[in-house]
C-alpha atoms as a PDB file:
ATOM      1  CA  MET A   1      48.771 -63.380  56.755  1.00  0.00           C
ATOM      2  CA  ALA A   2      46.888 -60.307  55.542  1.00  0.00           C
ATOM      3  CA  SER A   3      48.570 -57.002  56.112  1.00  0.00           C
ATOM      4  CA  ILE A   4      46.858 -54.507  58.386  1.00  0.00           C
ATOM      5  CA  VAL A   5      46.023 -50.994  57.285  1.00  0.00           C
ATOM      6  CA  PRO A   6      47.878 -48.542  59.565  1.00  0.00           C
ATOM      7  CA  ALA A   7      45.637 -46.909  62.157  1.00  0.00           C
ATOM      8  CA  ARG A   8      46.633 -43.384  61.116  1.00  0.00           C
ATOM      9  CA  ASP A   9      45.467 -44.128  57.567  1.00  0.00           C
ATOM     10  CA  ARG A  10      42.200 -45.709  58.701  1.00  0.00           C
ATOM     11  CA  LEU A  11      41.347 -42.644  60.752  1.00  0.00           C
ATOM     12  CA  THR A  12      41.397 -40.500  57.611  1.00  0.00           C
ATOM     13  CA  MET A  13      39.156 -42.877  55.637  1.00  0.00           C
ATOM     14  CA  THR A  14      35.439 -42.526  55.038  1.00  0.00           C
ATOM     15  CA  PRO A  15      33.272 -45.401  56.380  1.00  0.00           C
ATOM     16  CA  ILE A  16      32.906 -46.803  52.836  1.00  0.00           C
ATOM     17  CA  ALA A  17      36.667 -46.668  52.289  1.00  0.00           C
ATOM     18  CA  ARG A  18      37.263 -48.509  55.582  1.00  0.00           C
ATOM     19  CA  VAL A  19      34.972 -51.342  54.496  1.00  0.00           C
ATOM     20  CA  LEU A  20      36.578 -51.564  51.045  1.00  0.00           C
ATOM     21  CA  SER A  21      40.031 -51.691  52.647  1.00  0.00           C
ATOM     22  CA  SER A  22      39.219 -54.558  55.009  1.00  0.00           C
ATOM     23  CA  PRO A  23      41.334 -57.683  54.316  1.00  0.00           C
ATOM     24  CA  TRP A  24      38.413 -60.152  54.465  1.00  0.00           C
ATOM     25  CA  LEU A  25      36.327 -58.230  51.914  1.00  0.00           C
ATOM     26  CA  ASP A  26      39.415 -57.781  49.740  1.00  0.00           C
ATOM     27  CA  ARG A  27      39.909 -61.575  49.575  1.00  0.00           C
ATOM     28  CA  LEU A  28      36.202 -62.196  48.960  1.00  0.00           C
ATOM     29  CA  ILE A  29      36.187 -59.807  45.991  1.00  0.00           C
ATOM     30  CA  ALA A  30      39.290 -61.486  44.575  1.00  0.00           C
ATOM     31  CA  LEU A  31      37.721 -64.949  44.898  1.00  0.00           C
ATOM     32  CA  ALA A  32      34.474 -63.886  43.197  1.00  0.00           C
ATOM     33  CA  ALA A  33      36.457 -62.203  40.422  1.00  0.00           C
ATOM     34  CA  CYS A  34      37.995 -65.531  39.360  1.00  0.00           C
ATOM     35  CA  VAL A  35      34.725 -67.334  38.617  1.00  0.00           C
ATOM     36  CA  PRO A  36      33.710 -65.890  35.189  1.00  0.00           C
ATOM     37  CA  PHE A  37      37.017 -66.879  33.590  1.00  0.00           C
ATOM     38  CA  VAL A  38      36.196 -70.567  33.964  1.00  0.00           C
ATOM     39  CA  TRP A  39      33.194 -70.084  31.661  1.00  0.00           C
ATOM     40  CA  THR A  40      35.113 -67.808  29.291  1.00  0.00           C
ATOM     41  CA  LEU A  41      37.970 -70.244  28.748  1.00  0.00           C
ATOM     42  CA  ARG A  42      35.547 -73.122  28.199  1.00  0.00           C
ATOM     43  CA  HIS A  43      33.559 -71.105  25.642  1.00  0.00           C
ATOM     44  CA  GLU A  44      36.613 -70.049  23.656  1.00  0.00           C
ATOM     45  CA  MET A  45      38.151 -73.529  23.654  1.00  0.00           C
ATOM     46  CA  HIS A  46      34.856 -74.787  22.203  1.00  0.00           C
ATOM     47  CA  ALA A  47      34.590 -71.960  19.634  1.00  0.00           C
ATOM     48  CA  PHE A  48      38.234 -71.664  18.547  1.00  0.00           C
ATOM     49  CA  GLY A  49      39.871 -74.919  19.640  1.00  0.00           C
ATOM     50  CA  PHE A  50      43.360 -75.103  21.097  1.00  0.00           C
ATOM     51  CA  ASN A  51      44.339 -71.648  19.883  1.00  0.00           C
ATOM     52  CA  PHE A  52      47.517 -70.197  21.377  1.00  0.00           C
ATOM     53  CA  ALA A  53      46.518 -66.530  20.951  1.00  0.00           C
ATOM     54  CA  TRP A  54      43.171 -67.045  22.694  1.00  0.00           C
ATOM     55  CA  ILE A  55      44.725 -69.154  25.454  1.00  0.00           C
ATOM     56  CA  VAL A  56      47.401 -66.524  26.168  1.00  0.00           C
ATOM     57  CA  THR A  57      44.840 -63.717  26.263  1.00  0.00           C
ATOM     58  CA  ASN A  58      42.751 -65.594  28.814  1.00  0.00           C
ATOM     59  CA  ALA A  59      45.861 -66.644  30.740  1.00  0.00           C
ATOM     60  CA  ASN A  60      46.833 -62.974  31.128  1.00  0.00           C
ATOM     61  CA  PHE A  61      43.547 -62.235  32.867  1.00  0.00           C
ATOM     62  CA  VAL A  62      43.588 -65.438  34.928  1.00  0.00           C
ATOM     63  CA  LEU A  63      47.106 -64.554  36.106  1.00  0.00           C
ATOM     64  CA  LEU A  64      45.913 -61.078  37.056  1.00  0.00           C
ATOM     65  CA  ILE A  65      42.764 -62.237  38.847  1.00  0.00           C
ATOM     66  CA  ALA A  66      43.737 -65.498  40.539  1.00  0.00           C
ATOM     67  CA  THR A  67      46.856 -64.105  42.193  1.00  0.00           C
ATOM     68  CA  MET A  68      44.798 -61.379  43.858  1.00  0.00           C
ATOM     69  CA  LEU A  69      43.884 -63.995  46.468  1.00  0.00           C
ATOM     70  CA  ILE A  70      47.249 -63.376  48.152  1.00  0.00           C
ATOM     71  CA  ARG A  71      47.404 -59.637  47.571  1.00  0.00           C
ATOM     72  CA  ARG A  72      48.222 -57.028  50.185  1.00  0.00           C
ATOM     73  CA  ALA A  73      45.292 -55.156  51.729  1.00  0.00           C
ATOM     74  CA  PRO A  74      45.167 -51.527  50.551  1.00  0.00           C
ATOM     75  CA  SER A  75      45.971 -48.535  52.717  1.00  0.00           C
ATOM     76  CA  ARG A  76      43.745 -46.438  50.447  1.00  0.00           C
ATOM     77  CA  VAL A  77      41.166 -47.470  47.843  1.00  0.00           C
ATOM     78  CA  THR A  78      38.828 -45.437  45.675  1.00  0.00           C
ATOM     79  CA  PRO A  79      35.172 -45.467  46.741  1.00  0.00           C
ATOM     80  CA  ARG A  80      33.982 -44.020  43.412  1.00  0.00           C
ATOM     81  CA  PRO A  81      31.454 -46.380  41.740  1.00  0.00           C
ATOM     82  CA  LEU A  82      32.442 -45.219  38.246  1.00  0.00           C
ATOM     83  CA  PHE A  83      36.040 -46.342  38.803  1.00  0.00           C
ATOM     84  CA  TRP A  84      34.844 -49.731  40.073  1.00  0.00           C
ATOM     85  CA  LEU A  85      32.618 -50.067  37.000  1.00  0.00           C
ATOM     86  CA  LEU A  86      35.515 -49.203  34.681  1.00  0.00           C
ATOM     87  CA  ALA A  87      37.735 -51.803  36.347  1.00  0.00           C
ATOM     88  CA  PHE A  88      35.020 -54.452  36.039  1.00  0.00           C
ATOM     89  CA  VAL A  89      34.215 -53.771  32.373  1.00  0.00           C
ATOM     90  CA  ALA A  90      37.890 -53.576  31.343  1.00  0.00           C
ATOM     91  CA  THR A  91      38.803 -56.813  33.120  1.00  0.00           C
ATOM     92  CA  TYR A  92      35.761 -58.765  31.947  1.00  0.00           C
ATOM     93  CA  TRP A  93      35.505 -57.354  28.439  1.00  0.00           C
ATOM     94  CA  LEU A  94      36.317 -60.721  26.846  1.00  0.00           C
ATOM     95  CA  PHE A  95      33.713 -62.340  29.079  1.00  0.00           C
ATOM     96  CA  ILE A  96      31.163 -59.688  28.083  1.00  0.00           C
ATOM     97  CA  ALA A  97      31.932 -59.209  24.372  1.00  0.00           C
ATOM     98  CA  GLY A  98      34.259 -62.079  23.500  1.00  0.00           C
ATOM     99  CA  ARG A  99      31.362 -64.431  22.876  1.00  0.00           C
ATOM    100  CA  PHE A 100      30.468 -62.293  19.843  1.00  0.00           C
ATOM    101  CA  ALA A 101      33.922 -62.716  18.273  1.00  0.00           C
ATOM    102  CA  THR A 102      34.095 -65.113  15.342  1.00  0.00           C
ATOM    103  CA  ASN A 103      36.779 -66.677  13.193  1.00  0.00           C
ATOM    104  CA  GLY A 104      38.072 -63.998  10.834  1.00  0.00           C
ATOM    105  CA  LEU A 105      40.747 -63.488   8.215  1.00  0.00           C
ATOM    106  CA  PRO A 106      44.418 -63.644   9.251  1.00  0.00           C
ATOM    107  CA  LEU A 107      46.248 -60.382   8.511  1.00  0.00           C
ATOM    108  CA  ALA A 108      49.702 -61.621   9.500  1.00  0.00           C
ATOM    109  CA  PRO A 109      51.715 -64.840   9.212  1.00  0.00           C
ATOM    110  CA  ALA A 110      51.204 -67.415  11.946  1.00  0.00           C
ATOM    111  CA  TRP A 111      54.731 -66.861  13.278  1.00  0.00           C
ATOM    112  CA  VAL A 112      54.051 -63.138  13.826  1.00  0.00           C
ATOM    113  CA  ILE A 113      50.878 -63.896  15.769  1.00  0.00           C
ATOM    114  CA  PHE A 114      52.709 -66.546  17.788  1.00  0.00           C
ATOM    115  CA  ALA A 115      55.568 -64.118  18.546  1.00  0.00           C
ATOM    116  CA  LEU A 116      53.132 -61.435  19.719  1.00  0.00           C
ATOM    117  CA  SER A 117      51.308 -63.918  21.947  1.00  0.00           C
ATOM    118  CA  LEU A 118      54.554 -65.273  23.364  1.00  0.00           C
ATOM    119  CA  SER A 119      55.799 -61.732  24.049  1.00  0.00           C
ATOM    120  CA  SER A 120      52.484 -60.928  25.711  1.00  0.00           C
ATOM    121  CA  CYS A 121      52.810 -63.956  27.972  1.00  0.00           C
ATOM    122  CA  ALA A 122      56.443 -63.208  28.876  1.00  0.00           C
ATOM    123  CA  ILE A 123      55.769 -59.550  29.707  1.00  0.00           C
ATOM    124  CA  SER A 124      52.674 -60.412  31.745  1.00  0.00           C
ATOM    125  CA  VAL A 125      54.515 -63.025  33.826  1.00  0.00           C
ATOM    126  CA  TRP A 126      57.495 -60.702  34.340  1.00  0.00           C
ATOM    127  CA  ALA A 127      55.220 -57.848  35.374  1.00  0.00           C
ATOM    128  CA  ARG A 128      53.153 -60.027  37.673  1.00  0.00           C
ATOM    129  CA  LEU A 129      56.232 -61.409  39.429  1.00  0.00           C
ATOM    130  CA  SER A 130      57.592 -57.870  39.765  1.00  0.00           C
ATOM    131  CA  LEU A 131      54.358 -56.590  41.304  1.00  0.00           C
ATOM    132  CA  GLY A 132      54.254 -59.209  44.058  1.00  0.00           C
ATOM    133  CA  ARG A 133      51.337 -58.734  46.448  1.00  0.00           C
ATOM    134  CA  SER A 134      50.540 -55.185  45.297  1.00  0.00           C
ATOM    135  CA  ILE A 135      47.948 -56.351  42.756  1.00  0.00           C
ATOM    136  CA  GLY A 136      44.426 -55.058  42.295  1.00  0.00           C
ATOM    137  CA  LEU A 137      41.718 -54.122  39.811  1.00  0.00           C
ATOM    138  CA  VAL A 138      40.447 -50.797  41.141  1.00  0.00           C
ATOM    139  CA  PRO A 139      42.648 -47.784  41.952  1.00  0.00           C
ATOM    140  CA  ALA A 140      44.192 -48.480  45.363  1.00  0.00           C
ATOM    141  CA  ASN A 141      47.437 -47.957  47.223  1.00  0.00           C
ATOM    142  CA  ARG A 142      48.856 -51.394  48.051  1.00  0.00           C
ATOM    143  CA  GLY A 143      52.462 -50.277  48.257  1.00  0.00           C
ATOM    144  CA  LEU A 144      54.666 -48.764  45.550  1.00  0.00           C
ATOM    145  CA  VAL A 145      56.613 -51.198  43.345  1.00  0.00           C
ATOM    146  CA  THR A 146      59.599 -49.904  41.379  1.00  0.00           C
ATOM    147  CA  LYS A 147      61.537 -53.104  40.678  1.00  0.00           C
ATOM    148  CA  GLY A 148      61.565 -55.481  37.718  1.00  0.00           C
ATOM    149  CA  ALA A 149      59.298 -54.451  34.862  1.00  0.00           C
ATOM    150  CA  TYR A 150      58.189 -51.396  36.839  1.00  0.00           C
ATOM    151  CA  ARG A 151      61.673 -49.908  36.547  1.00  0.00           C
ATOM    152  CA  TYR A 152      60.976 -49.352  32.850  1.00  0.00           C
ATOM    153  CA  MET A 153      57.225 -48.771  32.504  1.00  0.00           C
ATOM    154  CA  ARG A 154      54.373 -47.969  34.842  1.00  0.00           C
ATOM    155  CA  HIS A 155      51.769 -50.403  33.455  1.00  0.00           C
ATOM    156  CA  PRO A 156      53.595 -53.473  32.086  1.00  0.00           C
ATOM    157  CA  ILE A 157      50.654 -55.807  32.770  1.00  0.00           C
ATOM    158  CA  TYR A 158      48.568 -53.678  30.420  1.00  0.00           C
ATOM    159  CA  THR A 159      51.349 -53.872  27.831  1.00  0.00           C
ATOM    160  CA  GLY A 160      50.959 -57.646  27.878  1.00  0.00           C
ATOM    161  CA  ILE A 161      47.194 -57.282  27.442  1.00  0.00           C
ATOM    162  CA  TYR A 162      47.634 -54.901  24.479  1.00  0.00           C
ATOM    163  CA  LEU A 163      49.923 -57.385  22.714  1.00  0.00           C
ATOM    164  CA  ALA A 164      47.430 -60.193  23.339  1.00  0.00           C
ATOM    165  CA  TYR A 165      44.580 -58.159  21.840  1.00  0.00           C
ATOM    166  CA  LEU A 166      46.786 -57.246  18.852  1.00  0.00           C
ATOM    167  CA  ALA A 167      47.564 -60.915  18.234  1.00  0.00           C
ATOM    168  CA  LEU A 168      43.853 -61.766  18.296  1.00  0.00           C
ATOM    169  CA  ALA A 169      42.989 -58.898  15.951  1.00  0.00           C
ATOM    170  CA  LEU A 170      45.638 -59.975  13.428  1.00  0.00           C
ATOM    171  CA  GLN A 171      44.599 -63.612  13.640  1.00  0.00           C
ATOM    172  CA  ASN A 172      40.835 -63.108  13.423  1.00  0.00           C
ATOM    173  CA  PHE A 173      40.218 -59.900  11.516  1.00  0.00           C
ATOM    174  CA  SER A 174      36.714 -58.695  10.793  1.00  0.00           C
ATOM    175  CA  PRO A 175      35.189 -55.256  11.462  1.00  0.00           C
ATOM    176  CA  ALA A 176      33.256 -56.626  14.442  1.00  0.00           C
ATOM    177  CA  ASN A 177      36.274 -58.432  15.896  1.00  0.00           C
ATOM    178  CA  ALA A 178      38.495 -55.380  15.418  1.00  0.00           C
ATOM    179  CA  ALA A 179      35.949 -53.255  17.310  1.00  0.00           C
ATOM    180  CA  ILE A 180      35.772 -55.767  20.170  1.00  0.00           C
ATOM    181  CA  PHE A 181      39.534 -55.948  20.607  1.00  0.00           C
ATOM    182  CA  ALA A 182      40.050 -52.185  20.129  1.00  0.00           C
ATOM    183  CA  VAL A 183      37.478 -51.372  22.809  1.00  0.00           C
ATOM    184  CA  GLY A 184      39.063 -53.931  25.136  1.00  0.00           C
ATOM    185  CA  ALA A 185      42.489 -52.322  24.739  1.00  0.00           C
ATOM    186  CA  GLY A 186      41.037 -48.810  24.950  1.00  0.00           C
ATOM    187  CA  LEU A 187      39.423 -49.543  28.304  1.00  0.00           C
ATOM    188  CA  PHE A 188      42.837 -50.325  29.778  1.00  0.00           C
ATOM    189  CA  VAL A 189      44.231 -47.096  28.337  1.00  0.00           C
ATOM    190  CA  ILE A 190      41.506 -45.185  30.185  1.00  0.00           C
ATOM    191  CA  LYS A 191      42.113 -47.302  33.284  1.00  0.00           C
ATOM    192  CA  SER A 192      45.800 -46.358  33.229  1.00  0.00           C
ATOM    193  CA  PHE A 193      44.996 -42.651  33.414  1.00  0.00           C
ATOM    194  CA  VAL A 194      42.320 -43.142  36.090  1.00  0.00           C
ATOM    195  CA  GLU A 195      44.673 -45.159  38.299  1.00  0.00           C
ATOM    196  CA  GLU A 196      47.478 -42.635  37.955  1.00  0.00           C
ATOM    197  CA  ASP A 197      45.176 -39.744  38.769  1.00  0.00           C
ATOM    198  CA  PHE A 198      44.267 -41.546  42.000  1.00  0.00           C
ATOM    199  CA  LEU A 199      47.783 -42.727  42.922  1.00  0.00           C
ATOM    200  CA  ARG A 200      49.595 -39.473  42.152  1.00  0.00           C
ATOM    201  CA  GLN A 201      47.894 -37.975  45.218  1.00  0.00           C
ATOM    202  CA  ASP A 202      50.628 -39.823  47.139  1.00  0.00           C
ATOM    203  CA  ALA A 203      53.936 -37.969  46.883  1.00  0.00           C
ATOM    204  CA  GLU A 204      55.872 -41.216  46.560  1.00  0.00           C
ATOM    205  CA  TYR A 205      53.942 -42.275  43.463  1.00  0.00           C
ATOM    206  CA  ALA A 206      54.134 -38.784  41.961  1.00  0.00           C
ATOM    207  CA  SER A 207      57.907 -38.995  42.320  1.00  0.00           C
ATOM    208  CA  TYR A 208      57.900 -42.435  40.686  1.00  0.00           C
ATOM    209  CA  MET A 209      55.965 -41.024  37.702  1.00  0.00           C
ATOM    210  CA  SER A 210      58.660 -38.409  37.173  1.00  0.00           C
ATOM    211  CA  ARG A 211      61.426 -41.040  37.343  1.00  0.00           C
ATOM    212  CA  VAL A 212      59.639 -43.486  34.999  1.00  0.00           C
ATOM    213  CA  PRO A 213      57.835 -41.414  32.342  1.00  0.00           C
ATOM    214  CA  TRP A 214      56.778 -44.329  30.126  1.00  0.00           C
ATOM    215  CA  ARG A 215      53.419 -45.945  30.723  1.00  0.00           C
ATOM    216  CA  TRP A 216      53.450 -48.977  28.419  1.00  0.00           C
ATOM    217  CA  LEU A 217      56.586 -49.081  26.246  1.00  0.00           C
ATOM    218  CA  PRO A 218      60.011 -47.913  27.470  1.00  0.00           C
ATOM    219  CA  PHE A 219      61.423 -44.881  25.637  1.00  0.00           C
ATOM    220  CA  VAL A 220      58.273 -44.668  23.458  1.00  0.00           C
ATOM    221  CA  VAL A 221      55.031 -44.034  25.327  1.00  0.00           C
END
């Protein structure tokens, strides 16, 4: 059953924010968000075959998108179109630009690429299980999560995505491919800062940021 936004929070929302926070629209957006990945996976299986690095990269996004169907409705969500656009482009970058990627030169042994992809998959699953129903694409307050992977870093799902892009770049190097994967990773870096700027307006999240200072890699950055 969808959670209900508390009345005291809804009273402080703008009309646009109330619509964006409604449970039925939230589910509809999540359902529509899943559709492009069916085409993307089919295209990449045709272009690259049964390639573990490509499959893991797509699986990371499918895991992120598909499980939004059971997510908690937000108590607060950004109405800013630019933030929605950033979330869309970052999430669908492989759908938008991935079709221009080609087979390139491997820059690392196959076992290194496999290890990066496997690590990406493990971190993404761990992070997704830790996050529970507080999942979303645009900046929104769906309840603070501090357990599991989020005890050590604030954006572990993005860490999994970075490792997946790195595996692809090392497996299929060319200047064009490197640019595609670098932009894809860079969009999630920007998205991290945008989300935190929105969420830190809540005292609870601001406190969490001070307790967990690492965004993507514990004790490093």
